[in-house]
């Protein structure tokens, strides 16, 4: 917005760690890095392990923690099929510390009965 006429020097600052484990900054840098740390922590909250989904399991081994934007694929158990309506998907996505998405596995027997009820 015209306030900064020169590139910010603190973006390339060298960070040193002292023997007590505390980070040492040059004057003015600690405010920037504290703000940057706060911003990263609020923007990229992590999710715990993927939640249980009825009649399904994850395709790959799951992690204990996932970053925002990571998604996990699920596969329905034998004799179940994924509900393919637009509200459902085979993925859950980590967004700001919460798992988002809808997965629903339907019993093939249930689908068979529904199909026959509509075709009679």
PDB file of N, CA and C in Angstrom:
ATOM      1  N   UNK A   1       0.806  -1.205   0.000  1.00  0.00           N
ATOM      2  CA  UNK A   1       0.000   0.000   0.000  1.00  0.00           C
ATOM      3  C   UNK A   1       0.839   1.254   0.000  1.00  0.00           C
ATOM      4  N   UNK A   2       2.055   1.155  -0.467  1.00  0.00           N
ATOM      5  CA  UNK A   2       2.909   2.325  -0.575  1.00  0.00           C
ATOM      6  C   UNK A   2       3.673   2.665   0.684  1.00  0.00           C
ATOM      7  N   UNK A   3       3.484   1.953   1.772  1.00  0.00           N
ATOM      8  CA  UNK A   3       4.193   2.265   3.012  1.00  0.00           C
ATOM      9  C   UNK A   3       5.622   1.737   2.981  1.00  0.00           C
ATOM     10  N   UNK A   4       5.836   0.589   2.355  1.00  0.00           N
ATOM     11  CA  UNK A   4       7.176   0.016   2.267  1.00  0.00           C
ATOM     12  C   UNK A   4       7.780   0.383   0.924  1.00  0.00           C
ATOM     13  N   UNK A   5       8.841   1.185   0.961  1.00  0.00           N
ATOM     14  CA  UNK A   5       9.485   1.583  -0.290  1.00  0.00           C
ATOM     15  C   UNK A   5      10.645   0.656  -0.618  1.00  0.00           C
ATOM     16  N   UNK A   6      11.199   0.002   0.399  1.00  0.00           N
ATOM     17  CA  UNK A   6      12.310  -0.919   0.194  1.00  0.00           C
ATOM     18  C   UNK A   6      11.855  -2.314   0.623  1.00  0.00           C
ATOM     19  N   UNK A   7      12.453  -3.360   0.028  1.00  0.00           N
ATOM     20  CA  UNK A   7      12.093  -4.706   0.485  1.00  0.00           C
ATOM     21  C   UNK A   7      12.451  -4.882   1.960  1.00  0.00           C
ATOM     22  N   UNK A   8      11.652  -5.610   2.661  1.00  0.00           N
ATOM     23  CA  UNK A   8      11.892  -5.830   4.093  1.00  0.00           C
ATOM     24  C   UNK A   8      13.147  -6.660   4.280  1.00  0.00           C
ATOM     25  N   UNK A   9      14.121  -6.125   5.033  1.00  0.00           N
ATOM     26  CA  UNK A   9      15.389  -6.825   5.262  1.00  0.00           C
ATOM     27  C   UNK A   9      15.201  -8.034   6.171  1.00  0.00           C
ATOM     28  N   UNK A  10      14.237  -7.974   7.080  1.00  0.00           N
ATOM     29  CA  UNK A  10      14.089  -9.048   8.052  1.00  0.00           C
ATOM     30  C   UNK A  10      13.606 -10.359   7.432  1.00  0.00           C
ATOM     31  N   UNK A  11      13.202 -10.326   6.182  1.00  0.00           N
ATOM     32  CA  UNK A  11      12.776 -11.571   5.548  1.00  0.00           C
ATOM     33  C   UNK A  11      13.953 -12.503   5.326  1.00  0.00           C
ATOM     34  N   UNK A  12      15.169 -11.927   5.224  1.00  0.00           N
ATOM     35  CA  UNK A  12      16.364 -12.731   4.988  1.00  0.00           C
ATOM     36  C   UNK A  12      17.245 -12.787   6.232  1.00  0.00           C
ATOM     37  N   UNK A  13      16.703 -12.498   7.387  1.00  0.00           N
ATOM     38  CA  UNK A  13      17.483 -12.452   8.617  1.00  0.00           C
ATOM     39  C   UNK A  13      17.979 -13.831   9.000  1.00  0.00           C
ATOM     40  N   UNK A  14      19.181 -13.856   9.548  1.00  0.00           N
ATOM     41  CA  UNK A  14      19.718 -15.110  10.047  1.00  0.00           C
ATOM     42  C   UNK A  14      19.237 -15.294  11.478  1.00  0.00           C
ATOM     43  N   UNK A  15      18.764 -16.466  11.771  1.00  0.00           N
ATOM     44  CA  UNK A  15      18.261 -16.763  13.105  1.00  0.00           C
ATOM     45  C   UNK A  15      19.307 -17.589  13.821  1.00  0.00           C
ATOM     46  N   UNK A  16      19.627 -17.218  15.025  1.00  0.00           N
ATOM     47  CA  UNK A  16      20.591 -17.955  15.827  1.00  0.00           C
ATOM     48  C   UNK A  16      19.888 -18.492  17.067  1.00  0.00           C
ATOM     49  N   UNK A  17      20.308 -19.631  17.518  1.00  0.00           N
ATOM     50  CA  UNK A  17      19.764 -20.224  18.737  1.00  0.00           C
ATOM     51  C   UNK A  17      20.860 -20.173  19.800  1.00  0.00           C
ATOM     52  N   UNK A  18      20.549 -19.625  20.964  1.00  0.00           N
ATOM     53  CA  UNK A  18      21.546 -19.584  22.027  1.00  0.00           C
ATOM     54  C   UNK A  18      21.541 -20.910  22.798  1.00  0.00           C
ATOM     55  N   UNK A  19      22.496 -21.132  23.687  1.00  0.00           N
ATOM     56  CA  UNK A  19      22.580 -22.421  24.407  1.00  0.00           C
ATOM     57  C   UNK A  19      21.325 -22.790  25.192  1.00  0.00           C
ATOM     58  N   UNK A  20      20.527 -21.833  25.650  1.00  0.00           N
ATOM     59  CA  UNK A  20      19.298 -22.144  26.383  1.00  0.00           C
ATOM     60  C   UNK A  20      18.163 -22.520  25.452  1.00  0.00           C
ATOM     61  N   UNK A  21      18.391 -22.506  24.137  1.00  0.00           N
ATOM     62  CA  UNK A  21      17.363 -22.862  23.188  1.00  0.00           C
ATOM     63  C   UNK A  21      16.469 -21.713  22.768  1.00  0.00           C
ATOM     64  N   UNK A  22      16.805 -20.509  23.168  1.00  0.00           N
ATOM     65  CA  UNK A  22      15.996 -19.349  22.795  1.00  0.00           C
ATOM     66  C   UNK A  22      16.517 -18.760  21.488  1.00  0.00           C
ATOM     67  N   UNK A  23      15.619 -18.293  20.669  1.00  0.00           N
ATOM     68  CA  UNK A  23      15.985 -17.697  19.396  1.00  0.00           C
ATOM     69  C   UNK A  23      16.429 -16.258  19.616  1.00  0.00           C
ATOM     70  N   UNK A  24      17.528 -15.889  18.959  1.00  0.00           N
ATOM     71  CA  UNK A  24      18.059 -14.529  19.074  1.00  0.00           C
ATOM     72  C   UNK A  24      17.783 -13.802  17.755  1.00  0.00           C
ATOM     73  N   UNK A  25      17.171 -12.632  17.844  1.00  0.00           N
ATOM     74  CA  UNK A  25      16.868 -11.827  16.666  1.00  0.00           C
ATOM     75  C   UNK A  25      17.557 -10.483  16.796  1.00  0.00           C
ATOM     76  N   UNK A  26      17.750  -9.844  15.663  1.00  0.00           N
ATOM     77  CA  UNK A  26      18.202  -8.454  15.701  1.00  0.00           C
ATOM     78  C   UNK A  26      16.989  -7.592  16.055  1.00  0.00           C
ATOM     79  N   UNK A  27      17.223  -6.356  16.433  1.00  0.00           N
ATOM     80  CA  UNK A  27      16.143  -5.447  16.851  1.00  0.00           C
ATOM     81  C   UNK A  27      15.051  -5.374  15.791  1.00  0.00           C
ATOM     82  N   UNK A  28      13.809  -5.501  16.211  1.00  0.00           N
ATOM     83  CA  UNK A  28      12.662  -5.400  15.331  1.00  0.00           C
ATOM     84  C   UNK A  28      12.248  -6.714  14.685  1.00  0.00           C
ATOM     85  N   UNK A  29      13.162  -7.681  14.649  1.00  0.00           N
ATOM     86  CA  UNK A  29      12.846  -8.950  13.991  1.00  0.00           C
ATOM     87  C   UNK A  29      11.934  -9.828  14.826  1.00  0.00           C
ATOM     88  N   UNK A  30      12.055  -9.759  16.141  1.00  0.00           N
ATOM     89  CA  UNK A  30      11.266 -10.659  16.983  1.00  0.00           C
ATOM     90  C   UNK A  30       9.773 -10.414  16.801  1.00  0.00           C
ATOM     91  N   UNK A  31       9.390  -9.173  16.582  1.00  0.00           N
ATOM     92  CA  UNK A  31       7.970  -8.874  16.366  1.00  0.00           C
ATOM     93  C   UNK A  31       7.493  -9.523  15.074  1.00  0.00           C
ATOM     94  N   UNK A  32       8.296  -9.400  14.020  1.00  0.00           N
ATOM     95  CA  UNK A  32       7.933  -9.994  12.735  1.00  0.00           C
ATOM     96  C   UNK A  32       7.815 -11.511  12.855  1.00  0.00           C
ATOM     97  N   UNK A  33       8.816 -12.160  13.443  1.00  0.00           N
ATOM     98  CA  UNK A  33       8.797 -13.614  13.535  1.00  0.00           C
ATOM     99  C   UNK A  33       7.716 -14.110  14.494  1.00  0.00           C
ATOM    100  N   UNK A  34       7.417 -13.361  15.529  1.00  0.00           N
ATOM    101  CA  UNK A  34       6.323 -13.740  16.418  1.00  0.00           C
ATOM    102  C   UNK A  34       5.000 -13.684  15.668  1.00  0.00           C
ATOM    103  N   UNK A  35       4.816 -12.636  14.861  1.00  0.00           N
ATOM    104  CA  UNK A  35       3.600 -12.508  14.068  1.00  0.00           C
ATOM    105  C   UNK A  35       3.525 -13.627  13.030  1.00  0.00           C
ATOM    106  N   UNK A  36       4.650 -13.917  12.372  1.00  0.00           N
ATOM    107  CA  UNK A  36       4.691 -14.977  11.369  1.00  0.00           C
ATOM    108  C   UNK A  36       4.343 -16.316  12.002  1.00  0.00           C
ATOM    109  N   UNK A  37       4.891 -16.612  13.179  1.00  0.00           N
ATOM    110  CA  UNK A  37       4.586 -17.852  13.883  1.00  0.00           C
ATOM    111  C   UNK A  37       3.101 -17.921  14.220  1.00  0.00           C
ATOM    112  N   UNK A  38       2.536 -16.821  14.723  1.00  0.00           N
ATOM    113  CA  UNK A  38       1.110 -16.758  15.048  1.00  0.00           C
ATOM    114  C   UNK A  38       0.267 -17.014  13.796  1.00  0.00           C
ATOM    115  N   UNK A  39       0.651 -16.383  12.686  1.00  0.00           N
ATOM    116  CA  UNK A  39      -0.081 -16.532  11.437  1.00  0.00           C
ATOM    117  C   UNK A  39      -0.041 -17.979  10.951  1.00  0.00           C
ATOM    118  N   UNK A  40       1.105 -18.604  10.982  1.00  0.00           N
ATOM    119  CA  UNK A  40       1.242 -20.001  10.548  1.00  0.00           C
ATOM    120  C   UNK A  40       0.419 -20.910  11.446  1.00  0.00           C
ATOM    121  N   UNK A  41       0.446 -20.679  12.732  1.00  0.00           N
ATOM    122  CA  UNK A  41      -0.283 -21.545  13.660  1.00  0.00           C
ATOM    123  C   UNK A  41      -1.793 -21.395  13.488  1.00  0.00           C
ATOM    124  N   UNK A  42      -2.286 -20.205  13.181  1.00  0.00           N
ATOM    125  CA  UNK A  42      -3.727 -20.040  13.030  1.00  0.00           C
ATOM    126  C   UNK A  42      -4.207 -20.457  11.647  1.00  0.00           C
ATOM    127  N   UNK A  43      -3.387 -20.285  10.638  1.00  0.00           N
ATOM    128  CA  UNK A  43      -3.800 -20.623   9.284  1.00  0.00           C
ATOM    129  C   UNK A  43      -3.688 -22.123   9.024  1.00  0.00           C
ATOM    130  N   UNK A  44      -2.682 -22.760   9.559  1.00  0.00           N
ATOM    131  CA  UNK A  44      -2.463 -24.162   9.218  1.00  0.00           C
ATOM    132  C   UNK A  44      -2.623 -25.081  10.427  1.00  0.00           C
ATOM    133  N   UNK A  45      -3.800 -25.073  11.012  1.00  0.00           N
ATOM    134  CA  UNK A  45      -4.074 -25.983  12.120  1.00  0.00           C
ATOM    135  C   UNK A  45      -4.042 -27.406  11.606  1.00  0.00           C
ATOM    136  N   UNK A  46      -3.579 -28.295  12.441  1.00  0.00           N
ATOM    137  CA  UNK A  46      -3.491 -29.703  12.069  1.00  0.00           C
ATOM    138  C   UNK A  46      -4.713 -30.471  12.546  1.00  0.00           C
ATOM    139  N   UNK A  47      -4.992 -31.561  11.863  1.00  0.00           N
ATOM    140  CA  UNK A  47      -6.072 -32.468  12.256  1.00  0.00           C
ATOM    141  C   UNK A  47      -5.452 -33.693  12.918  1.00  0.00           C
ATOM    142  N   UNK A  48      -6.222 -34.301  13.773  1.00  0.00           N
ATOM    143  CA  UNK A  48      -5.805 -35.568  14.356  1.00  0.00           C
ATOM    144  C   UNK A  48      -5.925 -36.671  13.317  1.00  0.00           C
ATOM    145  N   UNK A  49      -5.890 -37.920  13.746  1.00  0.00           N
ATOM    146  CA  UNK A  49      -6.034 -39.015  12.783  1.00  0.00           C
ATOM    147  C   UNK A  49      -7.394 -38.968  12.103  1.00  0.00           C
ATOM    148  N   UNK A  50      -7.487 -39.500  10.883  1.00  0.00           N
ATOM    149  CA  UNK A  50      -8.769 -39.492  10.177  1.00  0.00           C
ATOM    150  C   UNK A  50      -9.849 -40.207  10.983  1.00  0.00           C
ATOM    151  N   UNK A  51     -11.076 -39.719  10.941  1.00  0.00           N
ATOM    152  CA  UNK A  51     -12.157 -40.304  11.738  1.00  0.00           C
ATOM    153  C   UNK A  51     -12.642 -41.641  11.180  1.00  0.00           C
ATOM    154  N   UNK A  52     -13.321 -42.368  12.029  1.00  0.00           N
ATOM    155  CA  UNK A  52     -13.956 -43.626  11.639  1.00  0.00           C
ATOM    156  C   UNK A  52     -15.119 -43.326  10.695  1.00  0.00           C
ATOM    157  N   UNK A  53     -15.238 -44.131   9.650  1.00  0.00           N
ATOM    158  CA  UNK A  53     -16.363 -44.038   8.730  1.00  0.00           C
ATOM    159  C   UNK A  53     -17.033 -45.400   8.715  1.00  0.00           C
ATOM    160  N   UNK A  54     -18.342 -45.436   8.918  1.00  0.00           N
ATOM    161  CA  UNK A  54     -19.070 -46.705   8.942  1.00  0.00           C
ATOM    162  C   UNK A  54     -18.880 -47.475   7.644  1.00  0.00           C
ATOM    163  N   UNK A  55     -18.551 -48.754   7.782  1.00  0.00           N
ATOM    164  CA  UNK A  55     -18.420 -49.692   6.663  1.00  0.00           C
ATOM    165  C   UNK A  55     -17.340 -49.301   5.664  1.00  0.00           C
ATOM    166  N   UNK A  56     -16.300 -48.608   6.138  1.00  0.00           N
ATOM    167  CA  UNK A  56     -15.197 -48.198   5.268  1.00  0.00           C
ATOM    168  C   UNK A  56     -13.906 -48.112   6.067  1.00  0.00           C
ATOM    169  N   UNK A  57     -12.812 -48.085   5.343  1.00  0.00           N
ATOM    170  CA  UNK A  57     -11.497 -47.903   5.955  1.00  0.00           C
ATOM    171  C   UNK A  57     -10.644 -47.064   5.011  1.00  0.00           C
ATOM    172  N   UNK A  58      -9.560 -46.497   5.543  1.00  0.00           N
ATOM    173  CA  UNK A  58      -8.675 -45.693   4.707  1.00  0.00           C
ATOM    174  C   UNK A  58      -7.906 -46.602   3.756  1.00  0.00           C
ATOM    175  N   UNK A  59      -7.578 -46.076   2.583  1.00  0.00           N
ATOM    176  CA  UNK A  59      -6.857 -46.846   1.579  1.00  0.00           C
ATOM    177  C   UNK A  59      -5.403 -47.040   1.997  1.00  0.00           C
ATOM    178  N   UNK A  60      -4.781 -46.006   2.529  1.00  0.00           N
ATOM    179  CA  UNK A  60      -3.383 -46.069   2.965  1.00  0.00           C
ATOM    180  C   UNK A  60      -3.307 -45.983   4.481  1.00  0.00           C
ATOM    181  N   UNK A  61      -2.143 -46.349   5.018  1.00  0.00           N
ATOM    182  CA  UNK A  61      -1.916 -46.205   6.457  1.00  0.00           C
ATOM    183  C   UNK A  61      -2.104 -44.737   6.828  1.00  0.00           C
ATOM    184  N   UNK A  62      -2.762 -44.497   7.932  1.00  0.00           N
ATOM    185  CA  UNK A  62      -3.033 -43.119   8.331  1.00  0.00           C
ATOM    186  C   UNK A  62      -1.966 -42.599   9.276  1.00  0.00           C
ATOM    187  N   UNK A  63      -1.822 -41.285   9.280  1.00  0.00           N
ATOM    188  CA  UNK A  63      -0.889 -40.619  10.178  1.00  0.00           C
ATOM    189  C   UNK A  63      -1.640 -40.194  11.432  1.00  0.00           C
ATOM    190  N   UNK A  64      -0.899 -39.924  12.489  1.00  0.00           N
ATOM    191  CA  UNK A  64      -1.516 -39.451  13.727  1.00  0.00           C
ATOM    192  C   UNK A  64      -1.937 -37.991  13.606  1.00  0.00           C
ATOM    193  N   UNK A  65      -1.347 -37.286  12.642  1.00  0.00           N
ATOM    194  CA  UNK A  65      -1.612 -35.866  12.489  1.00  0.00           C
ATOM    195  C   UNK A  65      -1.512 -35.506  11.008  1.00  0.00           C
ATOM    196  N   UNK A  66      -2.430 -34.666  10.523  1.00  0.00           N
ATOM    197  CA  UNK A  66      -2.424 -34.240   9.122  1.00  0.00           C
ATOM    198  C   UNK A  66      -2.476 -32.723   9.058  1.00  0.00           C
ATOM    199  N   UNK A  67      -1.857 -32.174   8.032  1.00  0.00           N
ATOM    200  CA  UNK A  67      -1.844 -30.728   7.823  1.00  0.00           C
ATOM    201  C   UNK A  67      -3.083 -30.279   7.060  1.00  0.00           C
ATOM    202  N   UNK A  68      -3.412 -29.005   7.194  1.00  0.00           N
ATOM    203  CA  UNK A  68      -4.498 -28.426   6.419  1.00  0.00           C
ATOM    204  C   UNK A  68      -4.239 -28.672   4.940  1.00  0.00           C
ATOM    205  N   UNK A  69      -5.260 -29.123   4.233  1.00  0.00           N
ATOM    206  CA  UNK A  69      -5.143 -29.399   2.809  1.00  0.00           C
ATOM    207  C   UNK A  69      -4.897 -30.857   2.477  1.00  0.00           C
ATOM    208  N   UNK A  70      -4.410 -31.627   3.444  1.00  0.00           N
ATOM    209  CA  UNK A  70      -4.184 -33.052   3.188  1.00  0.00           C
ATOM    210  C   UNK A  70      -5.524 -33.768   3.166  1.00  0.00           C
ATOM    211  N   UNK A  71      -5.627 -34.763   2.303  1.00  0.00           N
ATOM    212  CA  UNK A  71      -6.869 -35.526   2.239  1.00  0.00           C
ATOM    213  C   UNK A  71      -6.570 -37.012   2.350  1.00  0.00           C
ATOM    214  N   UNK A  72      -7.574 -37.727   2.816  1.00  0.00           N
ATOM    215  CA  UNK A  72      -7.460 -39.165   3.028  1.00  0.00           C
ATOM    216  C   UNK A  72      -8.544 -39.852   2.215  1.00  0.00           C
ATOM    217  N   UNK A  73      -8.145 -40.908   1.525  1.00  0.00           N
ATOM    218  CA  UNK A  73      -9.095 -41.658   0.705  1.00  0.00           C
ATOM    219  C   UNK A  73      -9.606 -42.865   1.485  1.00  0.00           C
ATOM    220  N   UNK A  74     -10.907 -43.098   1.380  1.00  0.00           N
ATOM    221  CA  UNK A  74     -11.552 -44.244   2.025  1.00  0.00           C
ATOM    222  C   UNK A  74     -12.066 -45.208   0.956  1.00  0.00           C
ATOM    223  N   UNK A  75     -12.177 -46.470   1.347  1.00  0.00           N
ATOM    224  CA  UNK A  75     -12.745 -47.488   0.472  1.00  0.00           C
ATOM    225  C   UNK A  75     -13.777 -48.277   1.277  1.00  0.00           C
ATOM    226  N   UNK A  76     -14.941 -48.496   0.669  1.00  0.00           N
ATOM    227  CA  UNK A  76     -15.999 -49.242   1.345  1.00  0.00           C
ATOM    228  C   UNK A  76     -15.612 -50.710   1.478  1.00  0.00           C
ATOM    229  N   UNK A  77     -16.100 -51.331   2.547  1.00  0.00           N
ATOM    230  CA  UNK A  77     -15.862 -52.755   2.771  1.00  0.00           C
ATOM    231  C   UNK A  77     -16.548 -53.597   1.696  1.00  0.00           C
ATOM    232  N   UNK A  78     -16.178 -54.855   1.638  1.00  0.00           N
ATOM    233  CA  UNK A  78     -16.801 -55.814   0.736  1.00  0.00           C
ATOM    234  C   UNK A  78     -18.312 -55.835   1.002  1.00  0.00           C
ATOM    235  N   UNK A  79     -19.105 -55.932  -0.041  1.00  0.00           N
ATOM    236  CA  UNK A  79     -20.572 -55.938  -0.010  1.00  0.00           C
ATOM    237  C   UNK A  79     -21.161 -54.561   0.324  1.00  0.00           C
ATOM    238  N   UNK A  80     -20.334 -53.517   0.201  1.00  0.00           N
ATOM    239  CA  UNK A  80     -20.788 -52.131   0.358  1.00  0.00           C
ATOM    240  C   UNK A  80     -20.271 -51.342  -0.832  1.00  0.00           C
ATOM    241  N   UNK A  81     -20.971 -50.289  -1.159  1.00  0.00           N
ATOM    242  CA  UNK A  81     -20.542 -49.433  -2.258  1.00  0.00           C
ATOM    243  C   UNK A  81     -20.685 -47.967  -1.851  1.00  0.00           C
ATOM    244  N   UNK A  82     -19.836 -47.141  -2.428  1.00  0.00           N
ATOM    245  CA  UNK A  82     -19.844 -45.720  -2.108  1.00  0.00           C
ATOM    246  C   UNK A  82     -21.086 -45.044  -2.675  1.00  0.00           C
ATOM    247  N   UNK A  83     -21.747 -44.256  -1.847  1.00  0.00           N
ATOM    248  CA  UNK A  83     -22.879 -43.457  -2.314  1.00  0.00           C
ATOM    249  C   UNK A  83     -22.303 -42.421  -3.280  1.00  0.00           C
ATOM    250  N   UNK A  84     -22.805 -42.418  -4.505  1.00  0.00           N
ATOM    251  CA  UNK A  84     -22.234 -41.547  -5.541  1.00  0.00           C
ATOM    252  C   UNK A  84     -23.004 -40.245  -5.752  1.00  0.00           C
ATOM    253  N   UNK A  85     -23.943 -39.933  -4.881  1.00  0.00           N
ATOM    254  CA  UNK A  85     -24.650 -38.651  -4.992  1.00  0.00           C
ATOM    255  C   UNK A  85     -23.651 -37.510  -4.795  1.00  0.00           C
ATOM    256  N   UNK A  86     -23.904 -36.343  -5.388  1.00  0.00           N
ATOM    257  CA  UNK A  86     -22.944 -35.230  -5.339  1.00  0.00           C
ATOM    258  C   UNK A  86     -22.507 -34.797  -3.941  1.00  0.00           C
ATOM    259  N   UNK A  87     -23.315 -34.996  -2.935  1.00  0.00           N
ATOM    260  CA  UNK A  87     -22.922 -34.566  -1.583  1.00  0.00           C
ATOM    261  C   UNK A  87     -21.851 -35.482  -0.987  1.00  0.00           C
ATOM    262  N   UNK A  88     -21.615 -36.634  -1.604  1.00  0.00           N
ATOM    263  CA  UNK A  88     -20.683 -37.608  -1.046  1.00  0.00           C
ATOM    264  C   UNK A  88     -19.446 -37.760  -1.925  1.00  0.00           C
ATOM    265  N   UNK A  89     -18.374 -38.227  -1.312  1.00  0.00           N
ATOM    266  CA  UNK A  89     -17.099 -38.423  -1.995  1.00  0.00           C
ATOM    267  C   UNK A  89     -16.370 -39.557  -1.288  1.00  0.00           C
ATOM    268  N   UNK A  90     -15.252 -39.989  -1.811  1.00  0.00           N
ATOM    269  CA  UNK A  90     -14.456 -41.014  -1.131  1.00  0.00           C
ATOM    270  C   UNK A  90     -13.308 -40.398  -0.337  1.00  0.00           C
ATOM    271  N   UNK A  91     -13.312 -39.065  -0.209  1.00  0.00           N
ATOM    272  CA  UNK A  91     -12.237 -38.360   0.494  1.00  0.00           C
ATOM    273  C   UNK A  91     -12.759 -37.542   1.661  1.00  0.00           C
ATOM    274  N   UNK A  92     -11.929 -37.424   2.688  1.00  0.00           N
ATOM    275  CA  UNK A  92     -12.102 -36.426   3.740  1.00  0.00           C
ATOM    276  C   UNK A  92     -10.860 -35.546   3.676  1.00  0.00           C
ATOM    277  N   UNK A  93     -11.048 -34.234   3.889  1.00  0.00           N
ATOM    278  CA  UNK A  93      -9.940 -33.289   3.794  1.00  0.00           C
ATOM    279  C   UNK A  93      -9.774 -32.558   5.118  1.00  0.00           C
ATOM    280  N   UNK A  94      -8.535 -32.417   5.553  1.00  0.00           N
ATOM    281  CA  UNK A  94      -8.226 -31.654   6.771  1.00  0.00           C
ATOM    282  C   UNK A  94      -8.285 -30.173   6.430  1.00  0.00           C
ATOM    283  N   UNK A  95      -9.152 -29.436   7.138  1.00  0.00           N
ATOM    284  CA  UNK A  95      -9.283 -27.995   6.938  1.00  0.00           C
ATOM    285  C   UNK A  95      -9.339 -27.307   8.289  1.00  0.00           C
ATOM    286  N   UNK A  96      -8.305 -26.560   8.580  1.00  0.00           N
ATOM    287  CA  UNK A  96      -8.249 -25.760   9.809  1.00  0.00           C
ATOM    288  C   UNK A  96      -8.503 -26.587  11.059  1.00  0.00           C
ATOM    289  N   UNK A  97      -7.924 -27.766  11.120  1.00  0.00           N
ATOM    290  CA  UNK A  97      -8.045 -28.597  12.317  1.00  0.00           C
ATOM    291  C   UNK A  97      -9.274 -29.482  12.364  1.00  0.00           C
ATOM    292  N   UNK A  98     -10.086 -29.484  11.311  1.00  0.00           N
ATOM    293  CA  UNK A  98     -11.295 -30.313  11.266  1.00  0.00           C
ATOM    294  C   UNK A  98     -11.330 -31.124   9.982  1.00  0.00           C
ATOM    295  N   UNK A  99     -11.838 -32.345  10.077  1.00  0.00           N
ATOM    296  CA  UNK A  99     -12.019 -33.175   8.900  1.00  0.00           C
ATOM    297  C   UNK A  99     -13.327 -32.795   8.224  1.00  0.00           C
ATOM    298  N   UNK A 100     -13.267 -32.508   6.914  1.00  0.00           N
ATOM    299  CA  UNK A 100     -14.448 -32.098   6.163  1.00  0.00           C
ATOM    300  C   UNK A 100     -14.698 -33.072   5.021  1.00  0.00           C
ATOM    301  N   UNK A 101     -15.962 -33.284   4.734  1.00  0.00           N
ATOM    302  CA  UNK A 101     -16.351 -34.148   3.635  1.00  0.00           C
ATOM    303  C   UNK A 101     -17.431 -35.113   4.088  1.00  0.00           C
ATOM    304  N   UNK A 102     -18.054 -35.779   3.142  1.00  0.00           N
ATOM    305  CA  UNK A 102     -19.115 -36.738   3.431  1.00  0.00           C
ATOM    306  C   UNK A 102     -18.828 -38.043   2.710  1.00  0.00           C
ATOM    307  N   UNK A 103     -18.763 -39.100   3.473  1.00  0.00           N
ATOM    308  CA  UNK A 103     -18.570 -40.426   2.900  1.00  0.00           C
ATOM    309  C   UNK A 103     -19.701 -41.299   3.422  1.00  0.00           C
ATOM    310  N   UNK A 104     -20.310 -42.042   2.513  1.00  0.00           N
ATOM    311  CA  UNK A 104     -21.384 -42.940   2.923  1.00  0.00           C
ATOM    312  C   UNK A 104     -21.272 -44.219   2.101  1.00  0.00           C
ATOM    313  N   UNK A 105     -21.144 -45.337   2.805  1.00  0.00           N
ATOM    314  CA  UNK A 105     -21.089 -46.636   2.153  1.00  0.00           C
ATOM    315  C   UNK A 105     -22.431 -47.333   2.350  1.00  0.00           C
ATOM    316  N   UNK A 106     -23.038 -47.726   1.244  1.00  0.00           N
ATOM    317  CA  UNK A 106     -24.349 -48.368   1.275  1.00  0.00           C
ATOM    318  C   UNK A 106     -24.207 -49.866   1.064  1.00  0.00           C
ATOM    319  N   UNK A 107     -25.015 -50.630   1.776  1.00  0.00           N
ATOM    320  CA  UNK A 107     -25.038 -52.074   1.621  1.00  0.00           C
ATOM    321  C   UNK A 107     -25.550 -52.428   0.222  1.00  0.00           C
ATOM    322  N   UNK A 108     -24.878 -53.339  -0.435  1.00  0.00           N
ATOM    323  CA  UNK A 108     -25.323 -53.779  -1.766  1.00  0.00           C
ATOM    324  C   UNK A 108     -26.704 -54.428  -1.664  1.00  0.00           C
ATOM    325  N   UNK A 109     -26.971 -55.135  -0.575  1.00  0.00           N
ATOM    326  CA  UNK A 109     -28.294 -55.749  -0.375  1.00  0.00           C
ATOM    327  C   UNK A 109     -29.381 -54.683  -0.299  1.00  0.00           C
ATOM    328  N   UNK A 110     -29.119 -53.591   0.381  1.00  0.00           N
ATOM    329  CA  UNK A 110     -30.085 -52.499   0.480  1.00  0.00           C
ATOM    330  C   UNK A 110     -30.349 -51.898  -0.894  1.00  0.00           C
ATOM    331  N   UNK A 111     -29.296 -51.684  -1.652  1.00  0.00           N
ATOM    332  CA  UNK A 111     -29.457 -51.131  -2.998  1.00  0.00           C
ATOM    333  C   UNK A 111     -30.258 -52.081  -3.889  1.00  0.00           C
ATOM    334  N   UNK A 112     -30.024 -53.369  -3.744  1.00  0.00           N
ATOM    335  CA  UNK A 112     -30.743 -54.376  -4.525  1.00  0.00           C
ATOM    336  C   UNK A 112     -32.247 -54.296  -4.229  1.00  0.00           C
ATOM    337  N   UNK A 113     -32.608 -54.182  -2.952  1.00  0.00           N
ATOM    338  CA  UNK A 113     -34.023 -54.088  -2.566  1.00  0.00           C
ATOM    339  C   UNK A 113     -34.651 -52.779  -3.080  1.00  0.00           C
ATOM    340  N   UNK A 114     -33.911 -51.680  -2.998  1.00  0.00           N
ATOM    341  CA  UNK A 114     -34.422 -50.394  -3.487  1.00  0.00           C
ATOM    342  C   UNK A 114     -34.640 -50.462  -4.994  1.00  0.00           C
ATOM    343  N   UNK A 115     -33.681 -51.043  -5.711  1.00  0.00           N
ATOM    344  CA  UNK A 115     -33.787 -51.148  -7.170  1.00  0.00           C
ATOM    345  C   UNK A 115     -35.040 -51.933  -7.545  1.00  0.00           C
ATOM    346  N   UNK A 116     -35.265 -53.070  -6.885  1.00  0.00           N
ATOM    347  CA  UNK A 116     -36.410 -53.895  -7.202  1.00  0.00           C
ATOM    348  C   UNK A 116     -37.738 -53.222  -6.825  1.00  0.00           C
ATOM    349  N   UNK A 117     -37.738 -52.433  -5.783  1.00  0.00           N
ATOM    350  CA  UNK A 117     -38.961 -51.725  -5.380  1.00  0.00           C
ATOM    351  C   UNK A 117     -39.371 -50.710  -6.452  1.00  0.00           C
ATOM    352  N   UNK A 118     -38.384 -50.051  -7.091  1.00  0.00           N
ATOM    353  CA  UNK A 118     -38.687 -49.067  -8.122  1.00  0.00           C
ATOM    354  C   UNK A 118     -38.978 -49.689  -9.492  1.00  0.00           C
ATOM    355  N   UNK A 119     -38.551 -50.923  -9.717  1.00  0.00           N
ATOM    356  CA  UNK A 119     -38.745 -51.528 -11.038  1.00  0.00           C
ATOM    357  C   UNK A 119     -40.002 -52.365 -11.111  1.00  0.00           C
ATOM    358  N   UNK A 120     -40.696 -52.545 -10.013  1.00  0.00           N
ATOM    359  CA  UNK A 120     -41.932 -53.354 -10.023  1.00  0.00           C
ATOM    360  C   UNK A 120     -43.086 -52.628 -10.626  1.00  0.00           C
TER     361      UNK A 120
END
